Amino acid sequence: MTTIGPGIHINGEITCDGDLTIDGGVTGQVLVRDGTLAIGQEARIVADLRGTKVRVVGEVQGNIAAGERIDLAAAASVMGSLSASQVV
């Protein structure tokens, strides 16, 4: 499992094999193969997100695509399209 903490901001493309948690900021694109992408409460994302499963608690500006499922918490803020077999 990899974590991008609240004090970190990344500009560019992130590709990960396995679980990834983002509590910081990302501008660009995020691809998680064979794992869960978790967007934490403190996260501020301006990127397109792709993963097997995607959980969002924080803020995302971009499209989200999941091979299986997208989970949106009550506190989640998403401006973009959602694509998955299940959206909860």
C-alpha atoms as a PDB file:
ATOM      1  CA  MET A   1       0.000   0.000   0.000  1.00  0.00           C
ATOM      2  CA  THR A   2       1.287   3.437  -0.943  1.00  0.00           C
ATOM      3  CA  THR A   3       0.177   6.707   0.670  1.00  0.00           C
ATOM      4  CA  ILE A   4       0.580  10.247  -0.603  1.00  0.00           C
ATOM      5  CA  GLY A   5       0.349  12.313   2.569  1.00  0.00           C
ATOM      6  CA  PRO A   6      -1.419  15.629   3.206  1.00  0.00           C
ATOM      7  CA  GLY A   7       1.748  17.716   2.825  1.00  0.00           C
ATOM      8  CA  ILE A   8       2.514  16.443  -0.687  1.00  0.00           C
ATOM      9  CA  HIS A   9       1.302  17.767  -4.056  1.00  0.00           C
ATOM     10  CA  ILE A  10       2.155  15.940  -7.278  1.00  0.00           C
ATOM     11  CA  ASN A  11       1.865  17.334 -10.810  1.00  0.00           C
ATOM     12  CA  GLY A  12       1.872  14.661 -13.512  1.00  0.00           C
ATOM     13  CA  GLU A  13       0.926  11.018 -13.952  1.00  0.00           C
ATOM     14  CA  ILE A  14       0.841   8.388 -11.204  1.00  0.00           C
ATOM     15  CA  THR A  15       0.718   4.686 -12.066  1.00  0.00           C
ATOM     16  CA  CYS A  16       0.536   2.124  -9.270  1.00  0.00           C
ATOM     17  CA  ASP A  17       0.272  -1.672  -9.048  1.00  0.00           C
ATOM     18  CA  GLY A  18      -1.607  -2.228  -5.799  1.00  0.00           C
ATOM     19  CA  ASP A  19      -3.504  -0.063  -3.347  1.00  0.00           C
ATOM     20  CA  LEU A  20      -2.951   3.713  -3.275  1.00  0.00           C
ATOM     21  CA  THR A  21      -4.270   6.263  -0.770  1.00  0.00           C
ATOM     22  CA  ILE A  22      -4.071   9.975  -1.560  1.00  0.00           C
ATOM     23  CA  ASP A  23      -4.477  12.478   1.266  1.00  0.00           C
ATOM     24  CA  GLY A  24      -2.545  15.261  -0.477  1.00  0.00           C
ATOM     25  CA  GLY A  25      -2.956  16.907  -3.858  1.00  0.00           C
ATOM     26  CA  VAL A  26      -2.593  15.582  -7.381  1.00  0.00           C
ATOM     27  CA  THR A  27      -2.915  17.384 -10.687  1.00  0.00           C
ATOM     28  CA  GLY A  28      -2.770  15.168 -13.776  1.00  0.00           C
ATOM     29  CA  GLN A  29      -3.768  11.494 -14.038  1.00  0.00           C
ATOM     30  CA  VAL A  30      -3.878   8.556 -11.616  1.00  0.00           C
ATOM     31  CA  LEU A  31      -3.997   4.893 -12.686  1.00  0.00           C
ATOM     32  CA  VAL A  32      -4.152   2.078 -10.126  1.00  0.00           C
ATOM     33  CA  ARG A  33      -3.920  -1.407 -11.611  1.00  0.00           C
ATOM     34  CA  ASP A  34      -5.117  -4.360  -9.532  1.00  0.00           C
ATOM     35  CA  GLY A  35      -5.941  -2.373  -6.423  1.00  0.00           C
ATOM     36  CA  THR A  36      -8.053   0.180  -4.637  1.00  0.00           C
ATOM     37  CA  LEU A  37      -7.591   3.914  -5.075  1.00  0.00           C
ATOM     38  CA  ALA A  38      -8.690   5.805  -1.944  1.00  0.00           C
ATOM     39  CA  ILE A  39      -9.099   9.594  -1.986  1.00  0.00           C
ATOM     40  CA  GLY A  40      -8.926  10.807   1.618  1.00  0.00           C
ATOM     41  CA  GLN A  41     -10.812  13.618   3.300  1.00  0.00           C
ATOM     42  CA  GLU A  42      -7.936  16.108   3.013  1.00  0.00           C
ATOM     43  CA  ALA A  43      -7.260  15.288  -0.669  1.00  0.00           C
ATOM     44  CA  ARG A  44      -7.691  17.866  -3.405  1.00  0.00           C
ATOM     45  CA  ILE A  45      -7.489  16.166  -6.797  1.00  0.00           C
ATOM     46  CA  VAL A  46      -7.596  17.753 -10.251  1.00  0.00           C
ATOM     47  CA  ALA A  47      -7.122  14.614 -12.321  1.00  0.00           C
ATOM     48  CA  ASP A  48      -8.779  11.746 -14.120  1.00  0.00           C
ATOM     49  CA  LEU A  49      -8.794   8.651 -11.898  1.00  0.00           C
ATOM     50  CA  ARG A  50      -8.820   4.977 -12.918  1.00  0.00           C
ATOM     51  CA  GLY A  51      -8.710   1.916 -10.703  1.00  0.00           C
ATOM     52  CA  THR A  52     -10.277  -1.442  -9.996  1.00  0.00           C
ATOM     53  CA  LYS A  53     -12.103   0.092  -7.024  1.00  0.00           C
ATOM     54  CA  VAL A  54     -12.199   3.810  -6.194  1.00  0.00           C
ATOM     55  CA  ARG A  55     -13.276   5.296  -2.836  1.00  0.00           C
ATOM     56  CA  VAL A  56     -13.736   9.057  -2.551  1.00  0.00           C
ATOM     57  CA  VAL A  57     -14.102  11.036   0.663  1.00  0.00           C
ATOM     58  CA  GLY A  58     -12.331  14.247  -0.426  1.00  0.00           C
ATOM     59  CA  GLU A  59     -12.577  16.516  -3.475  1.00  0.00           C
ATOM     60  CA  VAL A  60     -12.090  15.406  -7.090  1.00  0.00           C
ATOM     61  CA  GLN A  61     -12.287  17.508 -10.243  1.00  0.00           C
ATOM     62  CA  GLY A  62     -12.055  15.002 -13.074  1.00  0.00           C
ATOM     63  CA  ASN A  63     -13.530  11.808 -14.436  1.00  0.00           C
ATOM     64  CA  ILE A  64     -13.505   8.586 -12.406  1.00  0.00           C
ATOM     65  CA  ALA A  65     -13.517   5.133 -14.021  1.00  0.00           C
ATOM     66  CA  ALA A  66     -13.470   1.879 -12.031  1.00  0.00           C
ATOM     67  CA  GLY A  67     -13.373  -1.689 -13.265  1.00  0.00           C
ATOM     68  CA  GLU A  68     -15.622  -2.815 -10.421  1.00  0.00           C
ATOM     69  CA  ARG A  69     -16.968  -0.131  -8.097  1.00  0.00           C
ATOM     70  CA  ILE A  70     -16.923   3.545  -7.088  1.00  0.00           C
ATOM     71  CA  ASP A  71     -17.775   4.395  -3.457  1.00  0.00           C
ATOM     72  CA  LEU A  72     -18.653   8.022  -2.665  1.00  0.00           C
ATOM     73  CA  ALA A  73     -18.784   9.096   0.986  1.00  0.00           C
ATOM     74  CA  ALA A  74     -21.275  11.704   2.169  1.00  0.00           C
ATOM     75  CA  ALA A  75     -18.442  14.273   2.341  1.00  0.00           C
ATOM     76  CA  ALA A  76     -17.212  13.531  -1.207  1.00  0.00           C
ATOM     77  CA  SER A  77     -17.230  16.256  -3.844  1.00  0.00           C
ATOM     78  CA  VAL A  78     -16.863  15.134  -7.475  1.00  0.00           C
ATOM     79  CA  MET A  79     -17.047  17.333 -10.558  1.00  0.00           C
ATOM     80  CA  GLY A  80     -16.792  14.946 -13.507  1.00  0.00           C
ATOM     81  CA  SER A  81     -18.254  11.760 -14.914  1.00  0.00           C
ATOM     82  CA  LEU A  82     -18.413   8.392 -13.142  1.00  0.00           C
ATOM     83  CA  SER A  83     -18.027   5.061 -14.932  1.00  0.00           C
ATOM     84  CA  ALA A  84     -18.281   1.696 -13.102  1.00  0.00           C
ATOM     85  CA  SER A  85     -20.435  -1.396 -12.773  1.00  0.00           C
ATOM     86  CA  GLN A  86     -21.517  -0.114  -9.332  1.00  0.00           C
ATOM     87  CA  VAL A  87     -21.627   3.416  -7.920  1.00  0.00           C
ATOM     88  CA  VAL A  88     -22.451   3.596  -4.208  1.00  0.00           C
END
